[in-house]
PDB file of all heavy atoms in Angstrom:
ATOM      1  N   ASP A   1     193.530  25.839  -5.578  1.00  0.00           N
ATOM      2  CA  ASP A   1     194.168  26.948  -6.311  1.00  0.00           C
ATOM      3  C   ASP A   1     195.270  27.630  -5.403  1.00  0.00           C
ATOM      4  O   ASP A   1     196.356  27.976  -5.933  1.00  0.00           O
ATOM      5  CB  ASP A   1     193.186  27.969  -6.884  1.00  0.00           C
ATOM      6  CG  ASP A   1     192.420  27.436  -8.040  1.00  0.00           C
ATOM      7  OD1 ASP A   1     192.945  26.517  -8.679  1.00  0.00           O
ATOM      8  OD2 ASP A   1     191.299  27.979  -8.263  1.00  0.00           O
ATOM      9  N   GLU A   2     194.895  27.839  -4.171  1.00  0.00           N
ATOM     10  CA  GLU A   2     195.835  28.609  -3.268  1.00  0.00           C
ATOM     11  C   GLU A   2     197.091  27.664  -3.123  1.00  0.00           C
ATOM     12  O   GLU A   2     198.217  28.188  -3.039  1.00  0.00           O
ATOM     13  CB  GLU A   2     195.199  28.803  -1.926  1.00  0.00           C
ATOM     14  CG  GLU A   2     194.132  29.919  -1.978  1.00  0.00           C
ATOM     15  CD  GLU A   2     193.427  30.137  -0.641  1.00  0.00           C
ATOM     16  OE1 GLU A   2     194.159  30.405   0.342  1.00  0.00           O
ATOM     17  OE2 GLU A   2     192.227  30.014  -0.556  1.00  0.00           O
ATOM     18  N   VAL A   3     196.864  26.370  -2.941  1.00  0.00           N
ATOM     19  CA  VAL A   3     198.002  25.410  -2.660  1.00  0.00           C
ATOM     20  C   VAL A   3     198.890  25.366  -3.963  1.00  0.00           C
ATOM     21  O   VAL A   3     200.085  25.430  -3.911  1.00  0.00           O
ATOM     22  CB  VAL A   3     197.533  24.018  -2.274  1.00  0.00           C
ATOM     23  CG1 VAL A   3     198.684  23.038  -2.314  1.00  0.00           C
ATOM     24  CG2 VAL A   3     196.878  24.097  -0.890  1.00  0.00           C
ATOM     25  N   LYS A   4     198.187  25.271  -5.083  1.00  0.00           N
ATOM     26  CA  LYS A   4     198.991  25.270  -6.357  1.00  0.00           C
ATOM     27  C   LYS A   4     199.788  26.486  -6.544  1.00  0.00           C
ATOM     28  O   LYS A   4     201.001  26.372  -6.958  1.00  0.00           O
ATOM     29  CB  LYS A   4     197.951  25.096  -7.573  1.00  0.00           C
ATOM     30  CG  LYS A   4     198.569  24.927  -8.874  1.00  0.00           C
ATOM     31  CD  LYS A   4     197.566  24.722  -9.967  1.00  0.00           C
ATOM     32  CE  LYS A   4     197.089  26.039 -10.474  1.00  0.00           C
ATOM     33  NZ  LYS A   4     196.219  26.010 -11.645  1.00  0.00           N
ATOM     34  N   GLU A   5     199.309  27.639  -6.248  1.00  0.00           N
ATOM     35  CA  GLU A   5     200.026  28.885  -6.322  1.00  0.00           C
ATOM     36  C   GLU A   5     201.174  28.955  -5.372  1.00  0.00           C
ATOM     37  O   GLU A   5     202.312  29.363  -5.722  1.00  0.00           O
ATOM     38  CB  GLU A   5     199.015  30.083  -6.054  1.00  0.00           C
ATOM     39  CG  GLU A   5     199.442  31.394  -6.628  1.00  0.00           C
ATOM     40  CD  GLU A   5     199.853  31.416  -8.053  1.00  0.00           C
ATOM     41  OE1 GLU A   5     199.199  30.845  -8.899  1.00  0.00           O
ATOM     42  OE2 GLU A   5     200.945  31.958  -8.273  1.00  0.00           O
ATOM     43  N   ALA A   6     200.996  28.496  -4.131  1.00  0.00           N
ATOM     44  CA  ALA A   6     202.036  28.425  -3.146  1.00  0.00           C
ATOM     45  C   ALA A   6     203.187  27.537  -3.539  1.00  0.00           C
ATOM     46  O   ALA A   6     204.331  27.834  -3.377  1.00  0.00           O
ATOM     47  CB  ALA A   6     201.492  27.958  -1.753  1.00  0.00           C
ATOM     48  N   LEU A   7     202.841  26.407  -4.196  1.00  0.00           N
ATOM     49  CA  LEU A   7     203.882  25.472  -4.691  1.00  0.00           C
ATOM     50  C   LEU A   7     204.646  26.131  -5.872  1.00  0.00           C
ATOM     51  O   LEU A   7     205.900  25.995  -5.889  1.00  0.00           O
ATOM     52  CB  LEU A   7     203.232  24.127  -5.105  1.00  0.00           C
ATOM     53  CG  LEU A   7     202.711  23.274  -3.939  1.00  0.00           C
ATOM     54  CD1 LEU A   7     201.952  22.057  -4.540  1.00  0.00           C
ATOM     55  CD2 LEU A   7     203.824  22.896  -3.060  1.00  0.00           C
ATOM     56  N   HIS A   8     203.926  26.769  -6.699  1.00  0.00           N
ATOM     57  CA  HIS A   8     204.584  27.437  -7.834  1.00  0.00           C
ATOM     58  C   HIS A   8     205.573  28.525  -7.349  1.00  0.00           C
ATOM     59  O   HIS A   8     206.704  28.622  -7.844  1.00  0.00           O
ATOM     60  CB  HIS A   8     203.524  28.083  -8.716  1.00  0.00           C
ATOM     61  CG  HIS A   8     204.090  28.845  -9.882  1.00  0.00           C
ATOM     62  ND1 HIS A   8     204.675  28.152 -11.009  1.00  0.00           N
ATOM     63  CD2 HIS A   8     204.208  30.143 -10.155  1.00  0.00           C
ATOM     64  CE1 HIS A   8     205.133  29.113 -11.865  1.00  0.00           C
ATOM     65  NE2 HIS A   8     204.797  30.269 -11.318  1.00  0.00           N
ATOM     66  N   GLU A   9     205.208  29.184  -6.272  1.00  0.00           N
ATOM     67  CA  GLU A   9     206.097  30.289  -5.718  1.00  0.00           C
ATOM     68  C   GLU A   9     207.362  29.692  -5.125  1.00  0.00           C
ATOM     69  O   GLU A   9     208.427  30.480  -5.225  1.00  0.00           O
ATOM     70  CB  GLU A   9     205.325  31.059  -4.665  1.00  0.00           C
ATOM     71  CG  GLU A   9     204.265  31.998  -5.226  1.00  0.00           C
ATOM     72  CD  GLU A   9     203.472  32.711  -4.204  1.00  0.00           C
ATOM     73  OE1 GLU A   9     203.954  32.751  -3.004  1.00  0.00           O
ATOM     74  OE2 GLU A   9     202.348  33.237  -4.512  1.00  0.00           O
ATOM     75  N   ILE A  10     207.418  28.510  -4.647  1.00  0.00           N
ATOM     76  CA  ILE A  10     208.636  27.966  -4.133  1.00  0.00           C
ATOM     77  C   ILE A  10     209.391  27.086  -5.151  1.00  0.00           C
ATOM     78  O   ILE A  10     210.408  26.465  -4.862  1.00  0.00           O
ATOM     79  CB  ILE A  10     208.420  27.158  -2.842  1.00  0.00           C
ATOM     80  CG1 ILE A  10     207.554  25.950  -3.036  1.00  0.00           C
ATOM     81  CG2 ILE A  10     207.870  28.075  -1.732  1.00  0.00           C
ATOM     82  CD1 ILE A  10     207.561  24.971  -1.917  1.00  0.00           C
ATOM     83  N   GLY A  11     208.862  27.015  -6.376  1.00  0.00           N
ATOM     84  CA  GLY A  11     209.649  26.325  -7.482  1.00  0.00           C
ATOM     85  C   GLY A  11     209.194  24.890  -7.692  1.00  0.00           C
ATOM     86  O   GLY A  11     209.921  24.180  -8.375  1.00  0.00           O
ATOM     87  N   VAL A  12     208.122  24.459  -7.150  1.00  0.00           N
ATOM     88  CA  VAL A  12     207.587  23.032  -7.365  1.00  0.00           C
ATOM     89  C   VAL A  12     206.772  23.128  -8.618  1.00  0.00           C
ATOM     90  O   VAL A  12     205.850  23.835  -8.790  1.00  0.00           O
ATOM     91  CB  VAL A  12     206.707  22.542  -6.200  1.00  0.00           C
ATOM     92  CG1 VAL A  12     206.153  21.194  -6.550  1.00  0.00           C
ATOM     93  CG2 VAL A  12     207.538  22.489  -4.876  1.00  0.00           C
ATOM     94  N   SER A  13     207.311  22.348  -9.666  1.00  0.00           N
ATOM     95  CA  SER A  13     206.681  22.426 -10.994  1.00  0.00           C
ATOM     96  C   SER A  13     205.689  21.326 -11.284  1.00  0.00           C
ATOM     97  O   SER A  13     204.690  21.585 -11.990  1.00  0.00           O
ATOM     98  CB  SER A  13     207.738  22.574 -12.048  1.00  0.00           C
ATOM     99  OG  SER A  13     208.548  21.391 -11.940  1.00  0.00           O
ATOM    100  N   GLY A  14     205.928  20.098 -10.872  1.00  0.00           N
ATOM    101  CA  GLY A  14     205.067  18.962 -11.216  1.00  0.00           C
ATOM    102  C   GLY A  14     204.166  18.644 -10.059  1.00  0.00           C
ATOM    103  O   GLY A  14     204.545  18.613  -8.951  1.00  0.00           O
ATOM    104  N   ILE A  15     202.848  18.486 -10.410  1.00  0.00           N
ATOM    105  CA  ILE A  15     201.840  18.143  -9.415  1.00  0.00           C
ATOM    106  C   ILE A  15     200.814  17.177  -9.935  1.00  0.00           C
ATOM    107  O   ILE A  15     200.428  17.395 -11.123  1.00  0.00           O
ATOM    108  CB  ILE A  15     201.231  19.456  -8.806  1.00  0.00           C
ATOM    109  CG1 ILE A  15     200.200  19.128  -7.718  1.00  0.00           C
ATOM    110  CG2 ILE A  15     200.609  20.268  -9.912  1.00  0.00           C
ATOM    111  CD1 ILE A  15     199.680  20.386  -6.970  1.00  0.00           C
ATOM    112  N   THR A  16     200.417  16.221  -9.191  1.00  0.00           N
ATOM    113  CA  THR A  16     199.312  15.373  -9.573  1.00  0.00           C
ATOM    114  C   THR A  16     198.137  15.617  -8.650  1.00  0.00           C
ATOM    115  O   THR A  16     198.373  15.666  -7.429  1.00  0.00           O
ATOM    116  CB  THR A  16     199.717  13.855  -9.500  1.00  0.00           C
ATOM    117  OG1 THR A  16     200.841  13.673 -10.398  1.00  0.00           O
ATOM    118  CG2 THR A  16     198.586  12.969  -9.987  1.00  0.00           C
ATOM    119  N   VAL A  17     196.934  15.782  -9.153  1.00  0.00           N
ATOM    120  CA  VAL A  17     195.764  16.081  -8.363  1.00  0.00           C
ATOM    121  C   VAL A  17     194.745  14.988  -8.597  1.00  0.00           C
ATOM    122  O   VAL A  17     194.477  14.629  -9.772  1.00  0.00           O
ATOM    123  CB  VAL A  17     195.213  17.417  -8.707  1.00  0.00           C
ATOM    124  CG1 VAL A  17     193.927  17.674  -7.873  1.00  0.00           C
ATOM    125  CG2 VAL A  17     196.211  18.499  -8.455  1.00  0.00           C
ATOM    126  N   THR A  18     194.185  14.397  -7.564  1.00  0.00           N
ATOM    127  CA  THR A  18     193.147  13.366  -7.669  1.00  0.00           C
ATOM    128  C   THR A  18     191.954  13.801  -6.773  1.00  0.00           C
ATOM    129  O   THR A  18     192.125  14.189  -5.686  1.00  0.00           O
ATOM    130  CB  THR A  18     193.692  12.024  -7.209  1.00  0.00           C
ATOM    131  OG1 THR A  18     194.922  11.714  -7.795  1.00  0.00           O
ATOM    132  CG2 THR A  18     192.702  10.880  -7.388  1.00  0.00           C
ATOM    133  N   GLU A  19     190.741  13.669  -7.368  1.00  0.00           N
ATOM    134  CA  GLU A  19     189.599  13.894  -6.498  1.00  0.00           C
ATOM    135  C   GLU A  19     189.425  12.700  -5.599  1.00  0.00           C
ATOM    136  O   GLU A  19     189.602  11.580  -6.056  1.00  0.00           O
ATOM    137  CB  GLU A  19     188.324  14.021  -7.421  1.00  0.00           C
ATOM    138  CG  GLU A  19     188.332  15.337  -8.144  1.00  0.00           C
ATOM    139  CD  GLU A  19     187.032  15.548  -8.994  1.00  0.00           C
ATOM    140  OE1 GLU A  19     186.054  14.745  -8.703  1.00  0.00           O
ATOM    141  OE2 GLU A  19     187.011  16.406  -9.915  1.00  0.00           O
ATOM    142  N   ALA A  20     189.097  12.925  -4.386  1.00  0.00           N
ATOM    143  CA  ALA A  20     189.001  11.825  -3.418  1.00  0.00           C
ATOM    144  C   ALA A  20     187.842  12.147  -2.466  1.00  0.00           C
ATOM    145  O   ALA A  20     187.230  13.177  -2.414  1.00  0.00           O
ATOM    146  CB  ALA A  20     190.310  11.786  -2.585  1.00  0.00           C
ATOM    147  N   LYS A  21     187.422  11.147  -1.732  1.00  0.00           N
ATOM    148  CA  LYS A  21     186.422  11.165  -0.715  1.00  0.00           C
ATOM    149  C   LYS A  21     186.983  10.521   0.511  1.00  0.00           C
ATOM    150  O   LYS A  21     187.672   9.495   0.476  1.00  0.00           O
ATOM    151  CB  LYS A  21     185.140  10.524  -1.067  1.00  0.00           C
ATOM    152  CG  LYS A  21     184.410  11.299  -2.203  1.00  0.00           C
ATOM    153  CD  LYS A  21     183.100  10.649  -2.518  1.00  0.00           C
ATOM    154  CE  LYS A  21     182.472  11.419  -3.606  1.00  0.00           C
ATOM    155  NZ  LYS A  21     181.010  11.481  -3.510  1.00  0.00           N
ATOM    156  N   GLY A  22     186.632  11.097   1.709  1.00  0.00           N
ATOM    157  CA  GLY A  22     187.145  10.490   2.907  1.00  0.00           C
ATOM    158  C   GLY A  22     186.642  11.189   4.141  1.00  0.00           C
ATOM    159  O   GLY A  22     185.926  12.148   4.030  1.00  0.00           O
ATOM    160  N   PHE A  23     187.083  10.688   5.302  1.00  0.00           N
ATOM    161  CA  PHE A  23     186.780  11.401   6.528  1.00  0.00           C
ATOM    162  C   PHE A  23     187.885  11.046   7.549  1.00  0.00           C
ATOM    163  O   PHE A  23     188.573   9.998   7.433  1.00  0.00           O
ATOM    164  CB  PHE A  23     185.429  11.013   7.110  1.00  0.00           C
ATOM    165  CG  PHE A  23     185.229   9.589   7.477  1.00  0.00           C
ATOM    166  CD1 PHE A  23     185.545   9.212   8.807  1.00  0.00           C
ATOM    167  CD2 PHE A  23     184.761   8.680   6.632  1.00  0.00           C
ATOM    168  CE1 PHE A  23     185.381   7.876   9.153  1.00  0.00           C
ATOM    169  CE2 PHE A  23     184.589   7.352   6.906  1.00  0.00           C
ATOM    170  CZ  PHE A  23     184.876   6.910   8.194  1.00  0.00           C
ATOM    171  N   GLY A  24     188.008  11.867   8.507  1.00  0.00           N
ATOM    172  CA  GLY A  24     188.939  11.714   9.609  1.00  0.00           C
ATOM    173  C   GLY A  24     188.177  11.722  10.904  1.00  0.00           C
ATOM    174  O   GLY A  24     187.149  11.060  11.005  1.00  0.00           O
ATOM    175  N   ARG A  25     188.649  12.526  11.819  1.00  0.00           N
ATOM    176  CA  ARG A  25     187.997  12.616  13.103  1.00  0.00           C
ATOM    177  C   ARG A  25     186.591  13.207  13.047  1.00  0.00           C
ATOM    178  O   ARG A  25     185.770  12.892  13.892  1.00  0.00           O
ATOM    179  CB  ARG A  25     188.869  13.474  14.054  1.00  0.00           C
ATOM    180  CG  ARG A  25     190.087  12.802  14.457  1.00  0.00           C
ATOM    181  CD  ARG A  25     190.868  13.628  15.404  1.00  0.00           C
ATOM    182  NE  ARG A  25     192.139  13.027  15.732  1.00  0.00           N
ATOM    183  CZ  ARG A  25     193.124  13.678  16.316  1.00  0.00           C
ATOM    184  NH1 ARG A  25     193.040  14.942  16.528  1.00  0.00           N
ATOM    185  NH2 ARG A  25     194.247  13.002  16.557  1.00  0.00           N
ATOM    186  N   GLN A  26     186.354  13.985  11.993  1.00  0.00           N
ATOM    187  CA  GLN A  26     185.010  14.659  11.962  1.00  0.00           C
ATOM    188  C   GLN A  26     183.840  13.653  11.605  1.00  0.00           C
ATOM    189  O   GLN A  26     182.728  13.984  11.870  1.00  0.00           O
ATOM    190  CB  GLN A  26     184.980  15.855  11.005  1.00  0.00           C
ATOM    191  CG  GLN A  26     184.821  15.483   9.539  1.00  0.00           C
ATOM    192  CD  GLN A  26     186.158  15.250   8.805  1.00  0.00           C
ATOM    193  OE1 GLN A  26     187.144  14.865   9.333  1.00  0.00           O
ATOM    194  NE2 GLN A  26     186.115  15.614   7.520  1.00  0.00           N
ATOM    195  N   LYS A  27     184.209  12.500  11.087  1.00  0.00           N
ATOM    196  CA  LYS A  27     183.272  11.435  10.794  1.00  0.00           C
ATOM    197  C   LYS A  27     182.079  11.884   9.924  1.00  0.00           C
ATOM    198  O   LYS A  27     180.994  11.330  10.063  1.00  0.00           O
ATOM    199  CB  LYS A  27     182.730  10.829  12.083  1.00  0.00           C
ATOM    200  CG  LYS A  27     183.728  10.328  13.068  1.00  0.00           C
ATOM    201  CD  LYS A  27     184.113   8.879  12.817  1.00  0.00           C
ATOM    202  CE  LYS A  27     184.937   8.226  13.835  1.00  0.00           C
ATOM    203  NZ  LYS A  27     186.184   8.878  14.179  1.00  0.00           N
ATOM    204  N   GLY A  28     182.241  12.941   9.153  1.00  0.00           N
ATOM    205  CA  GLY A  28     181.123  13.320   8.248  1.00  0.00           C
ATOM    206  C   GLY A  28     180.152  14.171   8.995  1.00  0.00           C
ATOM    207  O   GLY A  28     180.434  14.708  10.074  1.00  0.00           O
ATOM    208  N   HIS A  29     178.954  14.364   8.369  1.00  0.00           N
ATOM    209  CA  HIS A  29     177.919  15.119   9.058  1.00  0.00           C
ATOM    210  C   HIS A  29     176.561  14.725   8.507  1.00  0.00           C
ATOM    211  O   HIS A  29     176.470  13.900   7.607  1.00  0.00           O
ATOM    212  CB  HIS A  29     178.174  16.639   8.700  1.00  0.00           C
ATOM    213  CG  HIS A  29     178.182  17.012   7.275  1.00  0.00           C
ATOM    214  ND1 HIS A  29     179.149  16.782   6.442  1.00  0.00           N
ATOM    215  CD2 HIS A  29     177.158  17.405   6.504  1.00  0.00           C
ATOM    216  CE1 HIS A  29     178.893  17.130   5.222  1.00  0.00           C
ATOM    217  NE2 HIS A  29     177.645  17.538   5.172  1.00  0.00           N
ATOM    218  N   THR A  30     175.485  15.185   9.079  1.00  0.00           N
ATOM    219  CA  THR A  30     174.160  14.923   8.630  1.00  0.00           C
ATOM    220  C   THR A  30     173.594  16.014   7.746  1.00  0.00           C
ATOM    221  O   THR A  30     173.932  17.244   8.021  1.00  0.00           O
ATOM    222  CB  THR A  30     173.209  14.643   9.790  1.00  0.00           C
ATOM    223  OG1 THR A  30     173.164  15.754  10.626  1.00  0.00           O
ATOM    224  CG2 THR A  30     173.654  13.444  10.667  1.00  0.00           C
ATOM    225  N   GLU A  31     172.767  15.638   6.811  1.00  0.00           N
ATOM    226  CA  GLU A  31     172.130  16.728   5.951  1.00  0.00           C
ATOM    227  C   GLU A  31     170.677  16.332   5.771  1.00  0.00           C
ATOM    228  O   GLU A  31     170.245  15.149   5.953  1.00  0.00           O
ATOM    229  CB  GLU A  31     172.798  16.700   4.531  1.00  0.00           C
ATOM    230  CG  GLU A  31     174.175  17.330   4.543  1.00  0.00           C
ATOM    231  CD  GLU A  31     174.709  17.500   3.094  1.00  0.00           C
ATOM    232  OE1 GLU A  31     173.981  17.250   2.119  1.00  0.00           O
ATOM    233  OE2 GLU A  31     175.928  17.949   2.986  1.00  0.00           O
ATOM    234  N   LEU A  32     169.906  17.334   5.449  1.00  0.00           N
ATOM    235  CA  LEU A  32     168.527  17.151   5.281  1.00  0.00           C
ATOM    236  C   LEU A  32     168.184  17.261   3.763  1.00  0.00           C
ATOM    237  O   LEU A  32     168.634  18.219   3.086  1.00  0.00           O
ATOM    238  CB  LEU A  32     167.691  18.312   5.998  1.00  0.00           C
ATOM    239  CG  LEU A  32     166.271  18.032   6.309  1.00  0.00           C
ATOM    240  CD1 LEU A  32     166.142  16.825   7.222  1.00  0.00           C
ATOM    241  CD2 LEU A  32     165.680  19.260   7.040  1.00  0.00           C
ATOM    242  N   TYR A  33     167.535  16.218   3.188  1.00  0.00           N
ATOM    243  CA  TYR A  33     167.195  16.199   1.797  1.00  0.00           C
ATOM    244  C   TYR A  33     165.794  15.755   1.623  1.00  0.00           C
ATOM    245  O   TYR A  33     165.405  14.644   1.989  1.00  0.00           O
ATOM    246  CB  TYR A  33     168.173  15.292   1.034  1.00  0.00           C
ATOM    247  CG  TYR A  33     167.900  15.192  -0.464  1.00  0.00           C
ATOM    248  CD1 TYR A  33     168.206  16.293  -1.258  1.00  0.00           C
ATOM    249  CD2 TYR A  33     167.336  14.063  -0.952  1.00  0.00           C
ATOM    250  CE1 TYR A  33     167.969  16.197  -2.657  1.00  0.00           C
ATOM    251  CE2 TYR A  33     167.056  13.950  -2.332  1.00  0.00           C
ATOM    252  CZ  TYR A  33     167.406  15.054  -3.165  1.00  0.00           C
ATOM    253  OH  TYR A  33     167.097  14.981  -4.478  1.00  0.00           O
ATOM    254  N   ARG A  34     164.954  16.702   1.081  1.00  0.00           N
ATOM    255  CA  ARG A  34     163.552  16.399   0.868  1.00  0.00           C
ATOM    256  C   ARG A  34     162.843  15.893   2.155  1.00  0.00           C
ATOM    257  O   ARG A  34     162.172  14.858   2.122  1.00  0.00           O
ATOM    258  CB  ARG A  34     163.358  15.428  -0.258  1.00  0.00           C
ATOM    259  CG  ARG A  34     163.726  15.998  -1.612  1.00  0.00           C
ATOM    260  CD  ARG A  34     163.314  15.143  -2.777  1.00  0.00           C
ATOM    261  NE  ARG A  34     163.657  15.790  -4.023  1.00  0.00           N
ATOM    262  CZ  ARG A  34     163.391  15.322  -5.138  1.00  0.00           C
ATOM    263  NH1 ARG A  34     162.773  14.173  -5.262  1.00  0.00           N
ATOM    264  NH2 ARG A  34     163.737  15.935  -6.223  1.00  0.00           N
ATOM    265  N   GLY A  35     163.246  16.487   3.248  1.00  0.00           N
ATOM    266  CA  GLY A  35     162.611  16.133   4.529  1.00  0.00           C
ATOM    267  C   GLY A  35     163.220  14.949   5.241  1.00  0.00           C
ATOM    268  O   GLY A  35     162.826  14.685   6.347  1.00  0.00           O
TER     269      GLY A  35
END
């Protein structure tokens, strides 16, 4: 939402948004689920 608002403020009208999954240097993380 913040990025969309910033683009609108500078006059960028068309935008395509796609949900994605990925990782860079952080290589993800570990989580605990049901022990």
